[in-house]
N, C-alpha and C. Protein backbone atom coordinates (compact mmCIF):
# COMPACT_ATOMS: atom_id res chain seq x y z
N MET A 1 -12.36 1.78 -9.60
CA MET A 1 -11.20 1.52 -9.08
C MET A 1 -9.82 2.16 -9.28
N PHE A 2 -8.74 1.30 -9.58
CA PHE A 2 -7.61 2.22 -9.95
C PHE A 2 -7.74 2.37 -11.44
N SER A 3 -7.36 3.48 -12.37
CA SER A 3 -7.13 3.80 -13.57
C SER A 3 -6.23 2.93 -13.97
N GLU A 4 -6.33 2.58 -15.66
CA GLU A 4 -5.27 1.90 -16.05
C GLU A 4 -3.82 2.54 -15.86
N ARG A 5 -3.47 3.52 -15.91
CA ARG A 5 -2.22 4.35 -15.61
C ARG A 5 -2.07 3.84 -14.13
N GLU A 6 -2.86 3.63 -12.96
CA GLU A 6 -2.52 3.85 -11.55
C GLU A 6 -1.89 2.14 -11.63
N VAL A 7 -2.56 1.17 -12.28
CA VAL A 7 -2.44 -0.29 -11.93
C VAL A 7 -1.10 -0.50 -12.94
N ARG A 8 -0.76 0.12 -13.96
CA ARG A 8 0.71 0.17 -14.52
C ARG A 8 1.57 0.69 -14.03
N TYR A 9 1.29 1.59 -12.91
CA TYR A 9 2.32 1.88 -12.38
C TYR A 9 2.58 1.27 -11.01
N LEU A 10 1.34 0.78 -10.19
CA LEU A 10 1.69 0.19 -8.98
C LEU A 10 2.26 -1.60 -9.61
N ARG A 11 2.00 -2.13 -10.82
CA ARG A 11 2.52 -3.29 -11.04
C ARG A 11 4.30 -3.06 -11.48
N GLU A 12 4.59 -1.87 -12.00
CA GLU A 12 6.21 -1.67 -11.87
C GLU A 12 6.86 -1.20 -10.86
N GLN A 13 5.83 -0.84 -9.44
CA GLN A 13 6.70 -0.75 -8.50
C GLN A 13 7.24 -1.87 -7.39
N ARG A 14 8.13 -1.90 -6.85
CA ARG A 14 8.71 -2.92 -6.14
C ARG A 14 8.37 -2.79 -4.66
N LEU A 15 8.60 -1.60 -4.02
CA LEU A 15 8.36 -1.14 -2.63
C LEU A 15 7.66 -0.32 -2.33
N ALA A 16 7.09 -0.75 -0.83
CA ALA A 16 6.21 0.12 -0.66
C ALA A 16 6.43 0.69 0.70
N ARG A 17 5.59 1.31 1.90
CA ARG A 17 5.96 1.51 3.12
C ARG A 17 4.44 1.39 3.59
N ILE A 18 4.24 0.34 4.75
CA ILE A 18 2.96 -0.16 5.59
C ILE A 18 2.88 0.16 6.69
N ALA A 19 2.01 1.21 6.90
CA ALA A 19 1.72 1.47 8.83
C ALA A 19 0.83 0.80 8.91
N THR A 20 0.67 0.21 10.52
CA THR A 20 -0.30 -0.33 11.02
C THR A 20 0.07 0.53 12.72
N VAL A 21 -1.04 -0.48 13.53
CA VAL A 21 -1.23 0.19 14.50
C VAL A 21 -1.28 -0.85 15.64
N SER A 22 -0.07 -0.48 17.09
CA SER A 22 -0.38 -1.45 18.13
C SER A 22 -1.54 -1.38 18.99
N ALA A 23 -1.55 -2.04 20.00
CA ALA A 23 -2.57 -2.17 20.94
C ALA A 23 -2.44 -0.74 21.76
N ASP A 24 -1.09 -0.26 22.13
CA ASP A 24 -1.11 1.06 22.61
C ASP A 24 -1.05 2.28 21.82
N LEU A 25 -1.32 2.07 20.43
CA LEU A 25 -1.72 3.06 19.47
C LEU A 25 -0.65 3.41 18.68
N GLN A 26 0.30 2.69 18.90
CA GLN A 26 1.82 3.30 18.36
C GLN A 26 1.63 2.88 16.74
N PRO A 27 1.75 3.82 16.12
CA PRO A 27 1.92 3.55 14.78
C PRO A 27 3.34 3.03 14.57
N ASP A 28 3.50 1.94 13.07
CA ASP A 28 4.37 0.99 12.94
C ASP A 28 4.54 1.26 11.57
N VAL A 29 5.75 1.85 11.03
CA VAL A 29 5.63 1.68 9.33
C VAL A 29 7.22 1.24 9.11
N SER A 30 6.80 0.22 7.97
CA SER A 30 7.75 -0.37 7.82
C SER A 30 8.07 -0.73 6.13
N PRO A 31 9.29 -0.62 5.38
CA PRO A 31 9.16 -0.98 3.98
C PRO A 31 8.94 -2.36 3.81
N VAL A 32 8.18 -2.52 2.68
CA VAL A 32 8.01 -3.88 2.28
C VAL A 32 8.18 -4.14 0.62
N SER A 33 7.84 -5.34 0.21
CA SER A 33 7.74 -5.71 -1.08
C SER A 33 6.46 -6.03 -1.23
N PHE A 34 5.72 -5.64 -2.11
CA PHE A 34 4.68 -5.91 -2.45
C PHE A 34 3.92 -6.73 -3.66
N GLN A 35 3.13 -7.00 -3.57
CA GLN A 35 2.30 -7.61 -5.16
C GLN A 35 1.23 -7.04 -5.53
N PHE A 36 0.41 -6.70 -6.45
CA PHE A 36 -0.65 -6.45 -6.56
C PHE A 36 -1.46 -6.83 -7.93
N ASP A 37 -2.53 -7.59 -7.47
CA ASP A 37 -3.26 -8.21 -8.32
C ASP A 37 -4.40 -7.13 -9.17
N GLY A 38 -4.56 -6.04 -9.41
CA GLY A 38 -5.73 -5.01 -10.09
C GLY A 38 -6.06 -4.45 -8.73
N GLN A 39 -6.97 -5.12 -7.69
CA GLN A 39 -7.94 -5.42 -7.04
C GLN A 39 -7.14 -4.76 -5.12
N HIS A 40 -6.32 -5.84 -5.20
CA HIS A 40 -5.87 -6.26 -3.71
C HIS A 40 -4.45 -6.17 -3.48
N PHE A 41 -3.62 -5.72 -2.59
CA PHE A 41 -2.35 -5.67 -2.51
C PHE A 41 -1.94 -6.90 -1.54
N TYR A 42 -0.60 -7.40 -1.76
CA TYR A 42 -0.22 -8.57 -0.65
C TYR A 42 1.04 -8.29 -0.21
N VAL A 43 1.29 -8.65 0.89
CA VAL A 43 2.57 -8.26 1.57
C VAL A 43 2.74 -9.51 2.81
N GLY A 44 4.22 -10.02 2.11
CA GLY A 44 4.80 -11.12 3.08
C GLY A 44 6.33 -10.65 3.40
N GLY A 45 6.64 -11.64 3.20
CA GLY A 45 8.36 -11.37 3.77
C GLY A 45 8.94 -12.59 4.66
N ARG A 46 9.98 -12.56 4.77
CA ARG A 46 10.87 -13.71 5.50
C ARG A 46 10.30 -13.72 7.05
N LEU A 47 10.14 -14.35 7.60
CA LEU A 47 9.58 -14.09 8.78
C LEU A 47 8.31 -13.42 9.56
N LEU A 48 7.64 -13.24 8.45
CA LEU A 48 6.36 -12.29 8.66
C LEU A 48 5.71 -12.45 9.93
N GLU A 49 5.70 -13.58 10.54
CA GLU A 49 4.71 -14.10 11.85
C GLU A 49 5.46 -12.84 12.76
N LYS A 50 6.69 -12.96 12.81
CA LYS A 50 7.42 -12.13 13.70
C LYS A 50 7.42 -10.69 13.68
N THR A 51 7.00 -10.11 12.50
CA THR A 51 6.70 -8.78 12.71
C THR A 51 5.51 -7.89 13.25
N TYR A 52 5.97 -6.74 13.63
CA TYR A 52 5.01 -5.73 14.43
C TYR A 52 3.56 -5.91 13.30
N LYS A 53 3.83 -5.80 11.88
CA LYS A 53 2.57 -5.68 11.15
C LYS A 53 1.64 -6.84 11.11
N TYR A 54 2.38 -7.98 11.36
CA TYR A 54 1.75 -9.25 11.16
C TYR A 54 0.64 -9.28 12.75
N ARG A 55 1.74 -9.12 13.44
CA ARG A 55 0.92 -9.29 14.89
C ARG A 55 -0.03 -8.25 15.28
N ASN A 56 -0.10 -7.10 14.68
CA ASN A 56 -1.03 -5.76 14.89
C ASN A 56 -2.24 -6.56 14.11
N VAL A 57 -2.04 -7.18 12.68
CA VAL A 57 -3.26 -7.78 12.26
C VAL A 57 -3.77 -8.79 12.61
N LEU A 58 -3.23 -9.57 13.30
CA LEU A 58 -3.53 -10.72 13.83
C LEU A 58 -4.16 -10.19 15.42
N ALA A 59 -4.07 -9.66 15.73
CA ALA A 59 -4.76 -8.99 17.03
C ALA A 59 -6.09 -8.49 16.59
N GLY A 60 -6.34 -8.00 15.63
CA GLY A 60 -7.52 -7.70 15.17
C GLY A 60 -7.62 -6.25 14.73
N ARG A 61 -6.46 -5.61 14.59
CA ARG A 61 -6.12 -4.10 14.55
C ARG A 61 -6.13 -4.22 12.99
N ARG A 62 -6.87 -4.22 11.88
CA ARG A 62 -6.82 -4.31 10.84
C ARG A 62 -6.92 -3.07 10.07
N LYS A 63 -6.74 -2.05 10.26
CA LYS A 63 -6.54 -0.64 9.42
C LYS A 63 -5.24 -0.71 9.46
N VAL A 64 -4.76 -0.32 8.08
CA VAL A 64 -3.44 -0.20 7.53
C VAL A 64 -3.66 1.09 6.43
N ALA A 65 -2.55 1.37 6.27
CA ALA A 65 -1.91 2.50 5.20
C ALA A 65 -0.81 1.60 4.60
N LEU A 66 -0.78 2.03 3.06
CA LEU A 66 0.44 1.66 2.28
C LEU A 66 0.69 3.04 1.33
N VAL A 67 1.72 3.32 1.39
CA VAL A 67 2.35 4.44 0.35
C VAL A 67 3.52 3.42 -1.03
N ILE A 68 3.20 3.90 -1.82
CA ILE A 68 3.80 3.65 -2.87
C ILE A 68 4.44 4.66 -3.64
N ASP A 69 5.79 5.23 -3.97
CA ASP A 69 5.85 6.49 -4.47
C ASP A 69 7.66 6.43 -4.75
N ASP A 70 7.56 7.20 -6.09
CA ASP A 70 8.90 7.57 -6.30
C ASP A 70 9.03 9.09 -6.92
N LEU A 71 10.19 9.29 -7.55
CA LEU A 71 10.23 10.52 -8.18
C LEU A 71 10.44 10.27 -9.71
N ALA A 72 10.08 10.57 -10.46
CA ALA A 72 9.88 10.42 -11.98
C ALA A 72 11.21 11.63 -12.33
N SER A 73 11.36 12.53 -11.29
CA SER A 73 12.51 13.13 -11.98
C SER A 73 12.95 14.14 -10.94
N VAL A 74 14.10 14.65 -10.75
CA VAL A 74 14.32 15.67 -9.65
C VAL A 74 14.89 17.24 -10.20
N ASP A 75 14.53 17.19 -11.56
CA ASP A 75 14.83 18.47 -12.02
C ASP A 75 14.10 18.18 -13.41
N PRO A 76 13.01 18.75 -13.79
CA PRO A 76 12.03 19.24 -12.51
C PRO A 76 11.72 18.50 -10.99
N TRP A 77 11.30 18.68 -10.28
CA TRP A 77 10.80 17.82 -9.05
C TRP A 77 9.50 17.18 -9.59
N GLN A 78 9.50 16.30 -9.71
CA GLN A 78 8.17 15.51 -10.18
C GLN A 78 8.02 14.10 -9.44
N PRO A 79 7.30 14.26 -8.23
CA PRO A 79 7.07 13.53 -7.39
C PRO A 79 5.60 12.98 -8.15
N ARG A 80 5.43 11.24 -7.81
CA ARG A 80 4.41 10.67 -8.02
C ARG A 80 4.19 9.30 -6.99
N GLY A 81 2.93 8.57 -6.77
CA GLY A 81 2.54 7.91 -5.91
C GLY A 81 1.07 7.84 -5.66
N ILE A 82 0.97 6.74 -4.65
CA ILE A 82 -0.53 6.34 -4.64
C ILE A 82 -0.30 6.11 -2.94
N LYS A 83 -1.25 6.67 -2.23
CA LYS A 83 -1.75 6.31 -0.84
C LYS A 83 -2.91 5.45 -0.55
N VAL A 84 -2.82 4.24 0.09
CA VAL A 84 -4.21 3.78 0.20
C VAL A 84 -4.37 3.24 1.59
N TYR A 85 -5.58 3.57 1.98
CA TYR A 85 -6.24 2.89 3.44
C TYR A 85 -6.69 1.90 3.38
N GLY A 86 -6.84 1.08 3.78
CA GLY A 86 -7.51 -0.36 3.77
C GLY A 86 -7.61 -1.33 4.71
N GLN A 87 -8.08 -2.27 4.74
CA GLN A 87 -8.26 -3.40 5.78
C GLN A 87 -7.79 -4.46 5.38
N ALA A 88 -6.72 -5.16 6.59
CA ALA A 88 -5.87 -6.27 6.15
C ALA A 88 -6.11 -7.23 6.69
N GLU A 89 -6.03 -8.67 6.01
CA GLU A 89 -6.38 -9.94 6.73
C GLU A 89 -5.33 -10.94 6.45
N ILE A 90 -4.94 -11.92 7.07
CA ILE A 90 -4.02 -12.93 7.09
C ILE A 90 -4.75 -14.04 6.04
N ILE A 91 -3.96 -14.10 5.19
CA ILE A 91 -4.38 -15.41 4.68
C ILE A 91 -3.06 -16.31 4.34
N GLU A 92 -3.15 -17.66 3.75
CA GLU A 92 -2.12 -18.60 3.38
C GLU A 92 -2.41 -18.66 2.12
N GLN A 93 -1.54 -19.07 1.32
CA GLN A 93 -1.54 -19.30 -0.41
C GLN A 93 -0.25 -20.58 -0.17
N PRO A 94 -0.47 -21.42 -1.13
CA PRO A 94 0.43 -22.42 -1.63
C PRO A 94 1.71 -21.55 -1.95
N GLY A 95 2.86 -21.92 -1.62
CA GLY A 95 4.17 -21.80 -2.27
C GLY A 95 5.02 -23.04 -2.25
N PRO A 96 6.19 -22.65 -2.80
CA PRO A 96 6.87 -23.94 -3.47
C PRO A 96 7.63 -24.72 -2.23
N ALA A 97 7.46 -24.12 -1.06
CA ALA A 97 8.09 -24.81 0.04
C ALA A 97 6.92 -24.95 1.42
N GLY A 98 5.74 -24.94 0.16
CA GLY A 98 5.04 -25.06 1.70
C GLY A 98 3.59 -23.93 2.00
N PRO A 99 2.78 -23.53 2.46
CA PRO A 99 1.97 -22.48 2.73
C PRO A 99 2.53 -21.55 3.19
N THR A 100 2.31 -20.64 2.74
CA THR A 100 3.02 -18.62 3.00
C THR A 100 1.73 -18.12 3.49
N ARG A 101 2.08 -17.75 4.67
CA ARG A 101 0.93 -16.54 5.20
C ARG A 101 1.55 -15.01 4.52
N LEU A 102 0.59 -14.35 4.07
CA LEU A 102 0.54 -12.96 3.70
C LEU A 102 -0.61 -12.17 4.28
N LEU A 103 -0.53 -10.98 4.23
CA LEU A 103 -1.55 -9.71 4.47
C LEU A 103 -1.99 -9.61 3.23
N LYS A 104 -3.32 -9.84 2.96
CA LYS A 104 -4.06 -9.07 1.90
C LYS A 104 -4.37 -8.33 2.08
N ILE A 105 -4.77 -6.98 1.50
CA ILE A 105 -5.04 -5.68 1.97
C ILE A 105 -6.16 -5.20 0.99
N THR A 106 -7.09 -4.89 1.41
CA THR A 106 -8.28 -4.49 0.46
C THR A 106 -8.71 -2.97 0.52
N PRO A 107 -8.51 -2.21 -0.46
CA PRO A 107 -8.55 -0.75 -0.74
C PRO A 107 -9.86 -0.57 0.05
N THR A 108 -9.52 0.83 0.96
CA THR A 108 -11.10 1.23 0.77
C THR A 108 -11.09 2.97 0.15
N VAL A 109 -9.62 3.32 0.63
CA VAL A 109 -9.99 4.99 -0.17
C VAL A 109 -8.36 5.07 -0.92
N TYR A 110 -8.00 5.93 -1.96
CA TYR A 110 -6.71 6.00 -1.97
C TYR A 110 -6.77 7.29 -2.82
N TRP A 111 -5.49 7.69 -2.90
CA TRP A 111 -5.01 9.11 -3.04
C TRP A 111 -3.85 9.04 -4.05
N SER A 112 -3.79 9.59 -5.11
CA SER A 112 -2.53 9.49 -6.39
C SER A 112 -2.43 10.70 -6.75
N TRP A 113 -1.13 11.07 -7.17
CA TRP A 113 -0.63 12.11 -7.71
C TRP A 113 0.28 11.88 -8.58
N GLY A 114 0.72 12.52 -9.75
CA GLY A 114 1.85 12.60 -10.66
C GLY A 114 1.85 11.61 -11.58
N ILE A 115 0.81 11.02 -11.70
CA ILE A 115 0.90 9.45 -12.05
C ILE A 115 -0.76 9.66 -13.55
N GLU A 116 -1.71 10.51 -13.16
CA GLU A 116 -2.47 10.92 -14.06
C GLU A 116 -2.59 12.23 -14.74
N ALA A 117 -2.11 13.13 -13.51
CA ALA A 117 -1.82 14.37 -13.53
C ALA A 117 -0.36 14.61 -12.96
N PRO A 118 -0.24 15.97 -13.03
CA PRO A 118 1.29 16.38 -12.39
C PRO A 118 0.78 16.63 -11.15
N ALA A 119 1.65 16.31 -9.85
CA ALA A 119 1.12 16.17 -8.43
C ALA A 119 0.98 17.79 -8.19
N PHE A 120 1.63 18.78 -8.95
CA PHE A 120 1.08 20.26 -8.05
C PHE A 120 0.34 20.90 -9.00
N ALA A 121 -0.60 21.86 -8.80
CA ALA A 121 -1.53 22.75 -9.92
C ALA A 121 -1.09 23.99 -9.26
N GLU A 122 -0.93 25.00 -9.65
CA GLU A 122 -0.65 26.39 -9.49
C GLU A 122 0.47 26.19 -8.26
N GLY A 123 1.26 25.54 -7.91
CA GLY A 123 2.17 25.48 -6.81
C GLY A 123 1.77 24.72 -5.70
N LYS A 124 0.27 23.94 -5.65
CA LYS A 124 0.13 23.53 -4.46
C LYS A 124 -0.27 22.14 -5.08
N PRO A 125 0.17 21.20 -3.52
CA PRO A 125 -0.08 19.94 -3.91
C PRO A 125 -1.77 19.58 -4.83
N ALA A 126 -1.84 18.58 -5.49
CA ALA A 126 -3.20 17.98 -6.22
C ALA A 126 -3.10 17.22 -5.95
N PRO A 127 -3.59 16.21 -4.93
CA PRO A 127 -3.29 14.55 -4.77
C PRO A 127 -4.81 14.33 -5.79
N LYS A 128 -5.33 13.35 -5.90
CA LYS A 128 -6.64 13.05 -6.52
C LYS A 128 -7.12 11.94 -5.76
N LYS A 129 -8.36 12.11 -4.76
CA LYS A 129 -8.83 11.13 -3.97
C LYS A 129 -9.86 10.52 -4.42
N LYS A 130 -9.92 9.08 -4.37
CA LYS A 130 -10.72 8.15 -4.62
C LYS A 130 -11.21 6.95 -3.55
N VAL A 131 -12.28 6.97 -3.31
CA VAL A 131 -13.17 6.01 -2.55
C VAL A 131 -13.67 5.07 -3.28
N VAL A 132 -13.09 4.00 -2.62
CA VAL A 132 -13.26 2.70 -3.45
C VAL A 132 -14.44 1.91 -3.10
N LEU A 133 -14.39 1.73 -1.51
CA LEU A 133 -15.12 0.97 -0.85
C LEU A 133 -15.89 1.48 0.39
N SER A 134 -17.48 1.65 0.62
CA SER A 134 -17.32 2.27 1.92
C SER A 134 -16.95 1.16 3.22
N ARG A 135 -16.58 2.27 4.40
CA ARG A 135 -15.81 1.51 5.25
C ARG A 135 -16.86 0.45 6.00
């Protein structure tokens, strides 16, 4: 699954972008906060049930993409990040004000760059692709 460095990076980050797909195949990308337990990503938020991401997953369009990235430095340019393709499901967890709904994302494939090795090699992007689970 994710390497120790990748897990540390994911646990240090606070924001991601999630992409889902509508019934008419329109991609929708939203900035979100997330939690990561070492295997799954969890996305919640205020009024989650009213969002496109929630409604798209509720309607059975469970394929999602997440991007978690930042710039370690701008001089020299050092981007780093992780892109995840996965399957989302809606779950409920207990919360201080009662049950809370979340999107639970199980990764199927991911790419990382700039975390374990430089993002560029010989002037070209050098992402590392990893297959986590079969689709």
